[in-house]
Amino acid sequence: MTEYLPCDVLLEILHRLPAKSLIRFRCISKSWNSLITSPAFINSNLTRSHSYSNKLIVKYSDLNMVYELIHEEDNDNNDLSSEQIQELELQNSFGRNFISVGYVNGLFCLESGRYIVWNPCIRKFIVLPNPSVTASSFACYLAFGFDPSTNDYKLVRIAFQYKNLSNKKRAKKPLVEVYSVNEGSWRITSGRDSYPPGVDISDCSMSTAVSLNGAVFFAANRCDAWSSIVLSFDLGDEVFRVISLPNGNFKFEHGIHILVFKGLLSLICHEYMSERCSVFVMKEYGVVDSWTKLFTIDLNRQFCRVLGFRKNGHLLVQKEVLLGWELCSYVPESQQVKKLGFCRSSCYSFADNYVENLFLLDKSNDAVSKWNVSKKRKCR
């Protein structure tokens, strides 16, 4: 029947199908497989998924790391349903304790002895080769992002060498190494030349770097001014830039958390010794004067951490409860924290918008088995 359908009609039909169906339809013919795995189809399918997705992906930890998809209904209520995602082959190969490096376009970069790029939508992952800078005398900061200029996913490692291991004094300029998924290799860049002097990337656990508009963003501190800033690294020109925070400088003691809200760079500022935090968005990318405060969150003597934003404008937060943390929804208008009834965790969690991405569909997980074989041979 497809012989009688115009190409644009066929593409429109395929783009409306879930990823599971598209994976099965690759078996229809070589031409269908070639179409579905083509970069053009994968990119257009991702764009459509960004527009229509009504899911959140949440990672939380109890005894094991668990990823859960939360389906949001198109109303203003707390109507939610969820399903767990499990990657048995990933867990069997690397164990169950993963460190999340970053998340972009439905892809996770994880660390568990090796760096892994994982696509939970299609249950596939690749294992990255070891970087060239691996000495224990380096303090490393990581970011995972998407470079739209080359349609490439990249892992950035910013490595500061300790001048003195006893007091952990760092060198002024870091080594900057980038892994390109398209090229399949690490490369030391000239990014260190543009690294601003007197800037330290935040070590806070809530300061995972985010990706937006072809750059990655870190919460950082300017030591000479005793204040916080946002540090960006452009994945295209590989240059560092400093973005000042709204309303002057926040001090070191403020907890800064960077997020992406509706395609805009956003900032969560937890005020020191206060029960409030403020939410800002940068309405015009790169323009400091466009920082706009959305609202101030009154935590009502409850210790909460903002994880992300829901489709209905409510915030996903973690509320401290007995022996752990619980996923809740914060309503800015009423300043109420409502329990969602699931996702209780023993430590900090992660939440972001979930999109279906077919990236890695044409790749296998052979890198894992090859790595396991090489490990066994080395141990003999």
Protein backbone atom coordinates (compact mmCIF):
# COMPACT_ATOMS: atom_id res chain seq x y z
CA MET A 1 0.00 0.00 0.00
CA THR A 2 2.89 2.37 0.67
CA GLU A 3 3.64 2.41 -3.06
CA TYR A 4 0.46 4.47 -3.56
CA LEU A 5 1.17 6.97 -0.77
CA PRO A 6 3.02 10.21 -1.53
CA CYS A 7 6.32 10.47 0.35
CA ASP A 8 5.21 13.47 2.43
CA VAL A 9 2.03 11.64 3.53
CA LEU A 10 4.05 8.56 4.50
CA LEU A 11 6.47 10.69 6.52
CA GLU A 12 3.59 12.41 8.31
CA ILE A 13 2.11 9.04 9.26
CA LEU A 14 5.43 7.68 10.52
CA HIS A 15 6.15 10.78 12.60
CA ARG A 16 2.89 10.29 14.46
CA LEU A 17 3.83 6.75 15.53
CA PRO A 18 5.54 5.88 18.83
CA ALA A 19 9.16 4.78 18.81
CA LYS A 20 8.26 1.14 19.51
CA SER A 21 6.26 0.97 16.28
CA LEU A 22 9.01 2.64 14.27
CA ILE A 23 11.55 0.13 15.57
CA ARG A 24 9.34 -2.76 14.39
CA PHE A 25 8.65 -1.15 11.01
CA ARG A 26 12.35 -1.16 10.14
CA CYS A 27 11.86 -4.86 9.36
CA ILE A 28 9.35 -4.18 6.58
CA SER A 29 11.99 -3.48 3.97
CA LYS A 30 15.48 -2.09 3.44
CA SER A 31 14.04 1.19 2.21
CA TRP A 32 11.94 1.60 5.37
CA ASN A 33 14.93 0.78 7.56
CA SER A 34 17.04 3.30 5.66
CA LEU A 35 14.33 5.96 6.02
CA ILE A 36 13.68 5.48 9.75
CA THR A 37 17.39 5.40 10.67
CA SER A 38 18.33 8.39 8.47
CA PRO A 39 19.59 11.52 10.30
CA ALA A 40 16.93 13.66 8.61
CA PHE A 41 14.07 11.46 9.86
CA ILE A 42 15.57 11.16 13.36
CA ASN A 43 15.95 14.95 13.63
CA SER A 44 12.45 15.76 12.40
CA ASN A 45 10.98 13.08 14.66
CA LEU A 46 12.81 14.59 17.64
CA THR A 47 11.48 18.07 16.81
CA ARG A 48 7.95 16.72 16.73
CA SER A 49 8.47 14.87 20.01
CA HIS A 50 9.58 18.11 21.70
CA SER A 51 6.32 19.76 20.59
CA TYR A 52 3.91 17.02 21.65
CA SER A 53 5.52 15.26 24.61
CA ASN A 54 3.54 15.26 27.87
CA LYS A 55 5.90 13.10 29.89
CA LEU A 56 8.50 13.66 32.55
CA ILE A 57 11.39 11.34 33.29
CA VAL A 58 12.39 11.03 36.93
CA LYS A 59 15.42 9.25 38.33
CA TYR A 60 15.39 8.34 41.99
CA SER A 61 17.36 6.08 44.26
CA ASP A 62 16.31 3.62 46.88
CA LEU A 63 18.46 0.49 46.92
CA ASN A 64 18.93 0.78 43.16
CA MET A 65 18.71 3.57 40.63
CA VAL A 66 15.23 3.68 39.05
CA TYR A 67 14.00 5.68 36.07
CA GLU A 68 10.30 6.39 35.89
CA LEU A 69 8.17 7.97 33.16
CA ILE A 70 5.43 10.23 34.47
CA HIS A 71 2.50 10.83 32.12
CA GLU A 72 0.79 14.18 32.64
CA GLU A 73 -2.83 14.69 31.64
CA ASP A 74 -3.95 17.81 29.78
CA ASN A 75 -5.61 19.51 32.74
CA ASP A 76 -4.74 21.56 35.79
CA ASN A 77 -5.11 18.70 38.24
CA ASN A 78 -2.44 16.41 39.63
CA ASP A 79 -3.55 13.58 37.35
CA LEU A 80 -0.46 11.44 36.88
CA SER A 81 0.38 7.91 35.90
CA SER A 82 3.79 6.35 35.72
CA GLU A 83 5.81 3.45 34.36
CA GLN A 84 9.30 2.28 35.20
CA ILE A 85 12.15 2.01 32.71
CA GLN A 86 14.70 -0.72 33.23
CA GLU A 87 17.84 -1.37 31.25
CA LEU A 88 18.87 -4.84 32.35
CA GLU A 89 21.80 -5.13 29.96
CA LEU A 90 23.15 -1.81 31.18
CA GLN A 91 22.81 -2.85 34.82
CA ASN A 92 24.24 -6.31 34.23
CA SER A 93 27.31 -4.84 32.54
CA PHE A 94 28.05 -1.94 34.87
CA GLY A 95 26.19 -2.58 38.11
CA ARG A 96 23.35 -0.46 39.43
CA ASN A 97 25.03 2.66 40.80
CA PHE A 98 25.27 5.29 38.09
CA ILE A 99 26.24 8.93 38.34
CA SER A 100 24.21 11.16 36.03
CA VAL A 101 26.48 13.43 34.01
CA GLY A 102 23.76 15.09 31.95
CA TYR A 103 20.52 14.76 30.02
CA VAL A 104 19.56 16.29 26.68
CA ASN A 105 17.01 15.43 23.97
CA GLY A 106 15.97 12.22 25.74
CA LEU A 107 19.55 10.95 26.06
CA PHE A 108 21.43 10.34 29.31
CA CYS A 109 25.15 10.45 29.83
CA LEU A 110 26.03 8.24 32.80
CA GLU A 111 29.21 7.34 34.62
CA SER A 112 29.90 3.98 36.22
CA GLY A 113 33.59 3.26 35.79
CA ARG A 114 33.12 4.24 32.13
CA TYR A 115 31.14 6.98 30.42
CA ILE A 116 27.94 5.75 28.78
CA VAL A 117 25.45 7.44 26.45
CA TRP A 118 22.06 5.81 27.00
CA ASN A 119 18.82 6.22 25.06
CA PRO A 120 16.04 4.81 27.29
CA CYS A 121 13.45 5.24 24.52
CA ILE A 122 14.99 2.54 22.33
CA ARG A 123 16.88 0.70 25.11
CA LYS A 124 20.29 1.23 23.54
CA PHE A 125 23.58 2.65 24.80
CA ILE A 126 27.19 3.10 23.74
CA VAL A 127 30.31 2.98 25.89
CA LEU A 128 32.81 5.77 25.36
CA PRO A 129 36.57 5.14 25.28
CA ASN A 130 38.60 6.38 28.21
CA PRO A 131 39.66 10.03 27.98
CA SER A 132 43.33 10.88 27.70
CA VAL A 133 43.33 12.81 31.00
CA THR A 134 42.78 10.16 33.70
CA ALA A 135 45.30 10.92 36.49
CA SER A 136 43.98 11.02 40.05
CA SER A 137 45.63 14.43 40.50
CA PHE A 138 42.87 16.05 38.41
CA ALA A 139 39.55 17.46 39.59
CA CYS A 140 37.07 16.98 36.74
CA TYR A 141 33.76 18.66 35.91
CA LEU A 142 31.49 17.14 33.30
CA ALA A 143 28.73 18.30 30.98
CA PHE A 144 26.73 16.54 28.27
CA GLY A 145 25.23 18.62 25.50
CA PHE A 146 23.96 18.83 21.93
CA ASP A 147 25.70 20.84 19.21
CA PRO A 148 23.04 21.76 16.58
CA SER A 149 25.66 23.17 14.20
CA THR A 150 27.08 19.68 13.62
CA ASN A 151 24.07 17.62 14.82
CA ASP A 152 26.36 16.00 17.37
CA TYR A 153 26.18 15.01 21.03
CA LYS A 154 29.28 15.89 23.04
CA LEU A 155 30.69 15.16 26.47
CA VAL A 156 32.85 17.92 27.96
CA ARG A 157 35.49 17.27 30.65
CA ILE A 158 37.06 20.25 32.39
CA ALA A 159 40.08 18.93 34.29
CA PHE A 160 41.95 21.03 36.87
CA GLN A 161 45.29 19.61 37.92
CA TYR A 162 46.16 19.88 41.60
CA LYS A 163 49.37 21.80 42.21
CA ASN A 164 49.48 20.49 45.75
CA LEU A 165 47.62 17.30 46.60
CA SER A 166 47.81 17.93 50.34
CA ASN A 167 45.67 21.09 50.24
CA LYS A 168 43.99 20.43 46.85
CA LYS A 169 45.24 23.69 45.34
CA ARG A 170 44.33 23.76 41.66
CA ALA A 171 46.11 25.09 38.61
CA LYS A 172 44.67 28.33 37.21
CA LYS A 173 43.88 26.96 33.76
CA PRO A 174 42.13 23.61 33.20
CA LEU A 175 42.53 21.08 30.44
CA VAL A 176 39.36 20.94 28.34
CA GLU A 177 38.59 17.67 26.58
CA VAL A 178 35.57 17.00 24.35
CA TYR A 179 34.19 13.67 23.17
CA SER A 180 32.23 13.78 19.92
CA VAL A 181 29.74 10.95 19.42
CA ASN A 182 29.82 11.52 15.65
CA GLU A 183 33.61 11.30 15.52
CA GLY A 184 33.86 8.59 18.20
CA SER A 185 36.93 10.09 19.86
CA TRP A 186 38.22 12.48 22.52
CA ARG A 187 40.02 15.69 21.63
CA ILE A 188 41.83 18.23 23.84
CA THR A 189 40.61 21.67 22.80
CA SER A 190 41.95 25.21 23.12
CA GLY A 191 39.09 26.04 25.48
CA ARG A 192 41.47 26.58 28.39
CA ASP A 193 42.67 29.80 26.72
CA SER A 194 39.25 31.40 27.23
CA TYR A 195 38.67 30.09 30.76
CA PRO A 196 38.01 33.17 32.93
CA PRO A 197 40.53 33.74 35.74
CA GLY A 198 39.37 33.50 39.32
CA VAL A 199 36.34 31.29 38.52
CA ASP A 200 35.60 27.99 40.24
CA ILE A 201 32.85 25.62 39.07
CA SER A 202 30.47 24.78 41.89
CA ASP A 203 30.97 21.45 43.64
CA CYS A 204 27.39 21.42 44.91
CA SER A 205 25.46 18.22 44.10
CA MET A 206 22.49 20.25 42.86
CA SER A 207 24.57 22.00 40.17
CA THR A 208 24.53 19.50 37.30
CA ALA A 209 25.36 21.27 34.03
CA VAL A 210 22.55 21.77 31.50
CA SER A 211 22.54 22.04 27.70
CA LEU A 212 20.79 24.75 25.67
CA ASN A 213 21.32 26.50 22.32
CA GLY A 214 24.53 24.63 21.52
CA ALA A 215 26.23 25.36 24.84
CA VAL A 216 26.52 23.82 28.30
CA PHE A 217 26.07 25.82 31.49
CA PHE A 218 27.62 25.42 34.94
CA ALA A 219 26.86 27.09 38.25
CA ALA A 220 30.15 28.74 39.24
CA ASN A 221 31.72 31.16 41.71
CA ARG A 222 33.85 34.22 41.07
CA CYS A 223 36.43 34.07 43.83
CA ASP A 224 37.70 37.65 43.58
CA ALA A 225 34.19 39.14 43.96
CA TRP A 226 32.91 36.46 46.36
CA SER A 227 29.82 35.95 44.20
CA SER A 228 28.04 33.36 42.01
CA ILE A 229 27.83 33.38 38.22
CA VAL A 230 26.80 31.13 35.32
CA LEU A 231 29.69 29.77 33.24
CA SER A 232 28.93 28.64 29.69
CA PHE A 233 30.99 26.61 27.23
CA ASP A 234 30.00 26.84 23.57
CA LEU A 235 30.14 23.42 21.90
CA GLY A 236 30.68 25.01 18.49
CA ASP A 237 33.48 27.55 18.94
CA GLU A 238 34.66 25.88 22.20
CA VAL A 239 34.91 29.15 24.11
CA PHE A 240 34.00 29.88 27.74
CA ARG A 241 31.78 32.85 28.57
CA VAL A 242 30.51 34.34 31.85
CA ILE A 243 26.84 35.20 32.35
CA SER A 244 26.08 37.52 35.23
CA LEU A 245 23.17 36.73 37.50
CA PRO A 246 20.06 38.90 37.88
CA ASN A 247 19.79 41.73 40.39
CA GLY A 248 23.52 42.03 40.85
CA ASN A 249 25.58 39.30 42.46
CA PHE A 250 24.35 36.44 44.58
CA LYS A 251 26.79 35.57 47.29
CA PHE A 252 28.61 32.27 47.70
CA GLU A 253 26.18 31.09 50.32
CA HIS A 254 23.25 31.14 47.89
CA GLY A 255 22.48 27.74 46.36
CA ILE A 256 22.32 28.18 42.58
CA HIS A 257 20.61 25.56 40.42
CA ILE A 258 20.42 25.91 36.61
CA LEU A 259 17.48 24.46 34.64
CA VAL A 260 15.81 24.84 31.26
CA PHE A 261 12.19 26.06 31.33
CA LYS A 262 10.21 26.11 28.06
CA GLY A 263 13.40 26.52 26.04
CA LEU A 264 14.74 29.31 28.27
CA LEU A 265 17.71 29.34 30.62
CA SER A 266 16.33 29.40 34.14
CA LEU A 267 17.82 29.85 37.56
CA ILE A 268 16.77 28.62 40.99
CA CYS A 269 18.33 30.66 43.79
CA HIS A 270 18.00 29.21 47.30
CA GLU A 271 18.53 32.04 49.76
CA TYR A 272 20.94 31.37 52.60
CA MET A 273 19.33 30.78 56.00
CA SER A 274 15.91 31.43 54.48
CA GLU A 275 12.80 29.43 53.70
CA ARG A 276 12.49 30.94 50.24
CA CYS A 277 13.96 30.50 46.81
CA SER A 278 13.47 32.56 43.65
CA VAL A 279 12.91 31.39 40.07
CA PHE A 280 14.35 33.48 37.22
CA VAL A 281 14.31 32.98 33.43
CA MET A 282 16.48 34.64 30.78
CA LYS A 283 13.87 35.73 28.22
CA GLU A 284 16.43 36.79 25.61
CA TYR A 285 19.31 34.36 25.32
CA GLY A 286 22.65 35.89 26.32
CA VAL A 287 21.16 39.24 27.42
CA VAL A 288 21.72 39.72 31.15
CA ASP A 289 19.11 42.48 31.40
CA SER A 290 16.44 40.02 30.25
CA TRP A 291 16.61 38.01 33.49
CA THR A 292 13.04 38.03 34.81
CA LYS A 293 11.80 36.74 38.15
CA LEU A 294 8.85 34.39 37.67
CA PHE A 295 7.99 33.96 41.33
CA THR A 296 9.38 33.36 44.79
CA ILE A 297 8.77 29.99 46.39
CA ASP A 298 7.84 30.01 50.06
CA LEU A 299 8.91 26.66 51.45
CA ASN A 300 6.77 27.09 54.59
CA ARG A 301 9.46 25.67 56.85
CA GLN A 302 9.67 22.59 54.65
CA PHE A 303 13.04 21.68 53.22
CA CYS A 304 12.46 21.21 49.50
CA ARG A 305 14.57 21.09 46.38
CA VAL A 306 13.28 22.15 42.96
CA LEU A 307 13.80 19.44 40.34
CA GLY A 308 11.99 20.85 37.32
CA PHE A 309 8.82 22.22 35.80
CA ARG A 310 5.55 20.47 34.99
CA LYS A 311 3.48 21.09 31.87
CA ASN A 312 0.77 22.87 33.88
CA GLY A 313 3.28 25.39 35.30
CA HIS A 314 3.63 23.70 38.68
CA LEU A 315 7.08 22.79 39.93
CA LEU A 316 8.37 19.34 40.71
CA VAL A 317 10.09 19.43 44.08
CA GLN A 318 11.58 16.98 46.50
CA LYS A 319 10.35 17.35 50.04
CA GLU A 320 12.37 15.99 52.93
CA VAL A 321 10.45 13.30 54.81
CA LEU A 322 11.40 10.69 57.36
CA LEU A 323 14.33 8.63 56.04
CA GLY A 324 14.46 10.24 52.64
CA TRP A 325 12.83 12.46 50.02
CA GLU A 326 9.42 12.43 48.38
CA LEU A 327 8.37 13.74 44.97
CA CYS A 328 5.79 16.53 45.24
CA SER A 329 4.20 19.26 43.16
CA TYR A 330 4.47 22.93 44.19
CA VAL A 331 1.64 25.27 43.16
CA PRO A 332 3.01 28.85 42.88
CA GLU A 333 -0.41 30.52 43.16
CA SER A 334 -1.40 28.87 46.45
CA GLN A 335 2.19 28.14 47.61
CA GLN A 336 1.12 24.61 48.50
CA VAL A 337 3.20 21.45 48.29
CA LYS A 338 1.11 18.47 47.18
CA LYS A 339 2.24 14.87 47.39
CA LEU A 340 2.22 12.89 44.15
CA GLY A 341 2.08 9.54 45.89
CA PHE A 342 5.20 7.86 44.51
CA CYS A 343 8.94 8.23 43.89
CA ARG A 344 10.24 8.21 47.44
CA SER A 345 14.03 8.34 47.38
CA SER A 346 16.90 8.02 49.81
CA CYS A 347 18.83 10.83 48.10
CA TYR A 348 18.48 13.66 45.60
CA SER A 349 16.63 12.84 42.39
CA PHE A 350 16.52 14.19 38.85
CA ALA A 351 13.55 15.23 36.71
CA ASP A 352 13.21 16.67 33.20
CA ASN A 353 10.90 16.67 30.20
CA TYR A 354 10.97 13.36 28.36
CA VAL A 355 11.12 13.17 24.57
CA GLU A 356 11.40 10.19 22.28
CA ASN A 357 14.65 10.21 20.33
CA LEU A 358 15.68 7.57 17.78
CA PHE A 359 19.36 8.46 18.08
CA LEU A 360 21.57 5.32 18.39
CA LEU A 361 18.89 3.27 16.60
CA ASP A 362 21.41 2.14 14.00
CA LYS A 363 24.07 1.23 16.58
CA SER A 364 24.55 -1.89 18.68
CA ASN A 365 25.67 -2.41 22.27
CA ASP A 366 28.69 -4.44 21.15
CA ALA A 367 31.06 -1.97 22.81
CA VAL A 368 29.98 -3.30 26.20
CA SER A 369 30.75 -6.93 25.52
CA LYS A 370 34.07 -6.03 23.92
CA TRP A 371 35.00 -3.99 27.00
CA ASN A 372 34.05 -6.84 29.33
CA VAL A 373 36.19 -9.27 27.33
CA SER A 374 39.18 -6.94 27.43
CA LYS A 375 38.77 -6.55 31.21
CA LYS A 376 38.82 -10.30 31.71
CA ARG A 377 41.94 -10.70 29.60
CA LYS A 378 43.76 -8.00 31.56
CA CYS A 379 42.95 -9.69 34.86
CA ARG A 380 44.48 -13.01 33.89
